[in-house]
Amino acid sequence: MTIDLTNLYLQQSELDETIARNHDVSYESTRDRRILALLVELGEFANATRCFKYWSNKKSEDQHIVLDEYVDGLHFFLSLGLDINVSKKIYHRTKYEDSLTKQILKTYRLLCAFLVNQDEASYIRAFQAFLNIVPLLKVRWSTIEKAYLKKLDVNYNRQNNNY
């Protein structure tokens, strides 16, 4: 599976510019907060999937909620990539873990390495791990893109309404 993120990076750049104007911030002034936000969103995604809740019989949240949480993370990954001027825009599905829990933990671990290094190589490794979650959700990339664009509209509406 090939994932071309060129358009999503463009869409995210436009949203980031709107946020920067509305809140008088820059990539530089918000990088740590965006990394923390991404870690929080990854946790919210894990919570929605309930993949780690071995003590509970409750099933995952509805798919639209899980996807909404996933694309929240996608927004922050794209924004961080723009911040560090990442050149890689096309990814290919690579080997992923055999469980959603393990893949999320791998993403956390690699995201923490990016927090320390804040370089393109560590970003790419973390983002690749995040993208490798998609096959474990048993959805097509086109479904993720649609969910991203839907959330993009929500985020613009929030910016237009003094969120």
C-alpha atoms as a PDB file:
ATOM      1  CA  MET A   1       0.000   0.000   0.000  1.00  0.00           C
ATOM      2  CA  THR A   2       1.346   3.404  -1.004  1.00  0.00           C
ATOM      3  CA  ILE A   3       0.321   6.465   0.978  1.00  0.00           C
ATOM      4  CA  ASP A   4       0.880   9.788  -0.775  1.00  0.00           C
ATOM      5  CA  LEU A   5       0.577  12.535   1.805  1.00  0.00           C
ATOM      6  CA  THR A   6       1.369  15.462  -0.484  1.00  0.00           C
ATOM      7  CA  ASN A   7      -2.201  16.785  -0.477  1.00  0.00           C
ATOM      8  CA  LEU A   8      -2.684  16.255   3.252  1.00  0.00           C
ATOM      9  CA  TYR A   9       0.532  18.159   4.024  1.00  0.00           C
ATOM     10  CA  LEU A  10      -0.801  21.006   1.873  1.00  0.00           C
ATOM     11  CA  GLN A  11      -4.174  20.957   3.652  1.00  0.00           C
ATOM     12  CA  GLN A  12      -2.455  20.865   7.035  1.00  0.00           C
ATOM     13  CA  SER A  13      -0.171  23.746   6.086  1.00  0.00           C
ATOM     14  CA  GLU A  14      -3.177  25.927   5.315  1.00  0.00           C
ATOM     15  CA  LEU A  15      -4.826  25.022   8.626  1.00  0.00           C
ATOM     16  CA  ASP A  16      -1.577  25.666  10.500  1.00  0.00           C
ATOM     17  CA  GLU A  17      -1.306  29.108   8.874  1.00  0.00           C
ATOM     18  CA  THR A  18      -4.855  29.916   9.984  1.00  0.00           C
ATOM     19  CA  ILE A  19      -4.100  28.810  13.539  1.00  0.00           C
ATOM     20  CA  ALA A  20      -0.837  30.790  13.564  1.00  0.00           C
ATOM     21  CA  ARG A  21      -2.687  33.955  12.511  1.00  0.00           C
ATOM     22  CA  ASN A  22      -5.582  33.433  14.917  1.00  0.00           C
ATOM     23  CA  HIS A  23      -3.397  32.672  17.929  1.00  0.00           C
ATOM     24  CA  ASP A  24      -0.199  34.570  17.131  1.00  0.00           C
ATOM     25  CA  VAL A  25       1.984  31.462  17.357  1.00  0.00           C
ATOM     26  CA  SER A  26       4.650  29.825  15.223  1.00  0.00           C
ATOM     27  CA  TYR A  27       5.904  26.316  14.653  1.00  0.00           C
ATOM     28  CA  GLU A  28       8.926  27.086  16.795  1.00  0.00           C
ATOM     29  CA  SER A  29       6.877  28.406  19.711  1.00  0.00           C
ATOM     30  CA  THR A  30       4.524  25.422  19.719  1.00  0.00           C
ATOM     31  CA  ARG A  31       6.659  22.394  18.835  1.00  0.00           C
ATOM     32  CA  ASP A  32       6.809  20.937  22.350  1.00  0.00           C
ATOM     33  CA  ARG A  33       3.077  21.513  22.822  1.00  0.00           C
ATOM     34  CA  ARG A  34       2.312  19.823  19.505  1.00  0.00           C
ATOM     35  CA  ILE A  35       4.453  16.813  20.459  1.00  0.00           C
ATOM     36  CA  LEU A  36       2.642  16.576  23.795  1.00  0.00           C
ATOM     37  CA  ALA A  37      -0.707  16.995  22.013  1.00  0.00           C
ATOM     38  CA  LEU A  38       0.236  14.150  19.680  1.00  0.00           C
ATOM     39  CA  LEU A  39       1.132  11.894  22.605  1.00  0.00           C
ATOM     40  CA  VAL A  40      -2.219  12.743  24.226  1.00  0.00           C
ATOM     41  CA  GLU A  41      -4.115  12.089  20.982  1.00  0.00           C
ATOM     42  CA  LEU A  42      -2.361   8.750  20.589  1.00  0.00           C
ATOM     43  CA  GLY A  43      -3.552   7.871  24.094  1.00  0.00           C
ATOM     44  CA  GLU A  44      -7.089   8.970  23.283  1.00  0.00           C
ATOM     45  CA  PHE A  45      -6.960   6.799  20.168  1.00  0.00           C
ATOM     46  CA  ALA A  46      -5.754   3.804  22.218  1.00  0.00           C
ATOM     47  CA  ASN A  47      -8.521   4.449  24.728  1.00  0.00           C
ATOM     48  CA  ALA A  48     -11.144   4.515  21.963  1.00  0.00           C
ATOM     49  CA  THR A  49      -9.926   1.171  20.607  1.00  0.00           C
ATOM     50  CA  ARG A  50      -9.805  -0.342  24.102  1.00  0.00           C
ATOM     51  CA  CYS A  51      -7.087  -2.625  22.711  1.00  0.00           C
ATOM     52  CA  PHE A  52      -5.161  -2.659  25.998  1.00  0.00           C
ATOM     53  CA  LYS A  53      -8.112  -3.139  28.360  1.00  0.00           C
ATOM     54  CA  TYR A  54      -7.638  -6.816  29.089  1.00  0.00           C
ATOM     55  CA  TRP A  55      -9.791  -6.468  32.222  1.00  0.00           C
ATOM     56  CA  SER A  56     -12.905  -5.405  30.312  1.00  0.00           C
ATOM     57  CA  ASN A  57     -15.333  -7.136  27.985  1.00  0.00           C
ATOM     58  CA  LYS A  58     -16.527  -3.885  26.430  1.00  0.00           C
ATOM     59  CA  LYS A  59     -15.803  -3.554  22.730  1.00  0.00           C
ATOM     60  CA  SER A  60     -14.049  -0.727  20.941  1.00  0.00           C
ATOM     61  CA  GLU A  61     -15.846   2.569  20.419  1.00  0.00           C
ATOM     62  CA  ASP A  62     -17.719   2.866  17.107  1.00  0.00           C
ATOM     63  CA  GLN A  63     -15.446   3.009  14.101  1.00  0.00           C
ATOM     64  CA  HIS A  64     -16.173   6.683  13.382  1.00  0.00           C
ATOM     65  CA  ILE A  65     -14.973   7.604  16.898  1.00  0.00           C
ATOM     66  CA  VAL A  66     -11.814   5.496  16.551  1.00  0.00           C
ATOM     67  CA  LEU A  67     -11.082   7.072  13.167  1.00  0.00           C
ATOM     68  CA  ASP A  68     -11.741  10.553  14.537  1.00  0.00           C
ATOM     69  CA  GLU A  69      -9.167   9.953  17.286  1.00  0.00           C
ATOM     70  CA  TYR A  70      -6.677   8.517  14.783  1.00  0.00           C
ATOM     71  CA  VAL A  71      -6.942  11.517  12.462  1.00  0.00           C
ATOM     72  CA  ASP A  72      -6.465  13.886  15.396  1.00  0.00           C
ATOM     73  CA  GLY A  73      -3.037  12.288  15.684  1.00  0.00           C
ATOM     74  CA  LEU A  74      -2.564  12.508  11.925  1.00  0.00           C
ATOM     75  CA  HIS A  75      -3.141  16.273  12.080  1.00  0.00           C
ATOM     76  CA  PHE A  76      -0.358  16.672  14.633  1.00  0.00           C
ATOM     77  CA  PHE A  77       2.031  14.343  12.789  1.00  0.00           C
ATOM     78  CA  LEU A  78       1.548  16.340   9.592  1.00  0.00           C
ATOM     79  CA  SER A  79       1.982  19.627  11.441  1.00  0.00           C
ATOM     80  CA  LEU A  80       5.228  18.445  13.016  1.00  0.00           C
ATOM     81  CA  GLY A  81       6.475  17.295   9.624  1.00  0.00           C
ATOM     82  CA  LEU A  82       5.795  20.744   8.213  1.00  0.00           C
ATOM     83  CA  ASP A  83       7.558  22.286  11.196  1.00  0.00           C
ATOM     84  CA  ILE A  84      10.792  20.385  10.585  1.00  0.00           C
ATOM     85  CA  ASN A  85      10.505  20.670   6.774  1.00  0.00           C
ATOM     86  CA  VAL A  86      10.294  16.937   6.241  1.00  0.00           C
ATOM     87  CA  SER A  87      10.960  15.995   2.635  1.00  0.00           C
ATOM     88  CA  LYS A  88       9.330  12.553   2.614  1.00  0.00           C
ATOM     89  CA  LYS A  89       5.712  12.722   1.472  1.00  0.00           C
ATOM     90  CA  ILE A  90       5.156   9.180   0.199  1.00  0.00           C
ATOM     91  CA  TYR A  91       5.142   6.174   2.514  1.00  0.00           C
ATOM     92  CA  HIS A  92       4.674   2.470   1.938  1.00  0.00           C
ATOM     93  CA  ARG A  93       3.165   0.081   4.397  1.00  0.00           C
ATOM     94  CA  THR A  94       5.962  -1.809   6.056  1.00  0.00           C
ATOM     95  CA  LYS A  95       5.997  -4.680   8.514  1.00  0.00           C
ATOM     96  CA  TYR A  96       3.831  -3.875  11.474  1.00  0.00           C
ATOM     97  CA  GLU A  97       3.321  -5.486  14.857  1.00  0.00           C
ATOM     98  CA  ASP A  98       0.888  -8.354  15.302  1.00  0.00           C
ATOM     99  CA  SER A  99      -1.373  -6.405  17.651  1.00  0.00           C
ATOM    100  CA  LEU A 100      -2.733  -2.905  17.891  1.00  0.00           C
ATOM    101  CA  THR A 101      -1.360  -2.569  21.420  1.00  0.00           C
ATOM    102  CA  LYS A 102       2.180  -3.402  20.283  1.00  0.00           C
ATOM    103  CA  GLN A 103       1.944  -1.046  17.295  1.00  0.00           C
ATOM    104  CA  ILE A 104       0.720   1.826  19.456  1.00  0.00           C
ATOM    105  CA  LEU A 105       3.531   1.193  21.954  1.00  0.00           C
ATOM    106  CA  LYS A 106       6.030   1.168  19.097  1.00  0.00           C
ATOM    107  CA  THR A 107       4.638   4.487  17.884  1.00  0.00           C
ATOM    108  CA  TYR A 108       4.930   5.952  21.395  1.00  0.00           C
ATOM    109  CA  ARG A 109       8.529   4.750  21.691  1.00  0.00           C
ATOM    110  CA  LEU A 110       9.518   6.224  18.327  1.00  0.00           C
ATOM    111  CA  LEU A 111       7.630   9.441  18.996  1.00  0.00           C
ATOM    112  CA  CYS A 112       9.597   9.840  22.233  1.00  0.00           C
ATOM    113  CA  ALA A 113      12.803   9.371  20.212  1.00  0.00           C
ATOM    114  CA  PHE A 114      11.597  12.191  17.958  1.00  0.00           C
ATOM    115  CA  LEU A 115      10.966  14.334  21.046  1.00  0.00           C
ATOM    116  CA  VAL A 116      14.633  13.869  21.997  1.00  0.00           C
ATOM    117  CA  ASN A 117      16.186  14.207  18.522  1.00  0.00           C
ATOM    118  CA  GLN A 118      13.667  16.396  16.688  1.00  0.00           C
ATOM    119  CA  ASP A 119      15.173  15.432  13.343  1.00  0.00           C
ATOM    120  CA  GLU A 120      13.766  14.130  10.088  1.00  0.00           C
ATOM    121  CA  ALA A 121      15.000  10.550  10.495  1.00  0.00           C
ATOM    122  CA  SER A 122      13.348  10.068  13.896  1.00  0.00           C
ATOM    123  CA  TYR A 123      10.183  11.792  12.650  1.00  0.00           C
ATOM    124  CA  ILE A 124       9.956   9.440   9.659  1.00  0.00           C
ATOM    125  CA  ARG A 125      10.389   6.352  11.855  1.00  0.00           C
ATOM    126  CA  ALA A 126       7.668   7.531  14.252  1.00  0.00           C
ATOM    127  CA  PHE A 127       5.289   8.530  11.462  1.00  0.00           C
ATOM    128  CA  GLN A 128       5.850   5.215   9.674  1.00  0.00           C
ATOM    129  CA  ALA A 129       4.892   3.372  12.869  1.00  0.00           C
ATOM    130  CA  PHE A 130       1.772   5.545  13.167  1.00  0.00           C
ATOM    131  CA  LEU A 131       0.778   4.863   9.553  1.00  0.00           C
ATOM    132  CA  ASN A 132       1.331   1.146  10.134  1.00  0.00           C
ATOM    133  CA  ILE A 133      -1.580   1.243  12.583  1.00  0.00           C
ATOM    134  CA  VAL A 134      -3.998   1.578   9.639  1.00  0.00           C
ATOM    135  CA  PRO A 135      -3.938  -2.068   8.484  1.00  0.00           C
ATOM    136  CA  LEU A 136      -4.599  -3.171  12.062  1.00  0.00           C
ATOM    137  CA  LEU A 137      -7.786  -1.080  11.968  1.00  0.00           C
ATOM    138  CA  LYS A 138      -8.870  -3.026   8.878  1.00  0.00           C
ATOM    139  CA  VAL A 139      -9.717   0.112   6.905  1.00  0.00           C
ATOM    140  CA  ARG A 140      -8.495   1.475   3.604  1.00  0.00           C
ATOM    141  CA  TRP A 141      -6.293   4.532   3.457  1.00  0.00           C
ATOM    142  CA  SER A 142      -9.062   6.314   1.535  1.00  0.00           C
ATOM    143  CA  THR A 143     -11.253   5.943   4.650  1.00  0.00           C
ATOM    144  CA  ILE A 144      -8.541   7.638   6.726  1.00  0.00           C
ATOM    145  CA  GLU A 145      -8.257  10.465   4.187  1.00  0.00           C
ATOM    146  CA  LYS A 146     -12.017  11.053   4.267  1.00  0.00           C
ATOM    147  CA  ALA A 147     -11.981  11.112   8.067  1.00  0.00           C
ATOM    148  CA  TYR A 148      -9.041  13.553   7.996  1.00  0.00           C
ATOM    149  CA  LEU A 149     -10.863  15.925   5.622  1.00  0.00           C
ATOM    150  CA  LYS A 150     -14.017  15.736   7.737  1.00  0.00           C
ATOM    151  CA  LYS A 151     -12.021  16.633  10.858  1.00  0.00           C
ATOM    152  CA  LEU A 152     -10.237  19.377   8.898  1.00  0.00           C
ATOM    153  CA  ASP A 153     -13.631  21.025   8.341  1.00  0.00           C
ATOM    154  CA  VAL A 154     -14.374  20.717  12.061  1.00  0.00           C
ATOM    155  CA  ASN A 155     -11.018  22.330  12.877  1.00  0.00           C
ATOM    156  CA  TYR A 156     -11.660  25.235  10.494  1.00  0.00           C
ATOM    157  CA  ASN A 157     -15.106  25.752  12.013  1.00  0.00           C
ATOM    158  CA  ARG A 158     -13.505  25.836  15.447  1.00  0.00           C
ATOM    159  CA  GLN A 159     -10.997  28.459  14.278  1.00  0.00           C
ATOM    160  CA  ASN A 160     -13.781  30.537  12.769  1.00  0.00           C
ATOM    161  CA  ASN A 161     -15.741  30.418  16.029  1.00  0.00           C
ATOM    162  CA  ASN A 162     -13.042  31.494  18.510  1.00  0.00           C
ATOM    163  CA  TYR A 163     -12.278  27.952  19.707  1.00  0.00           C
END
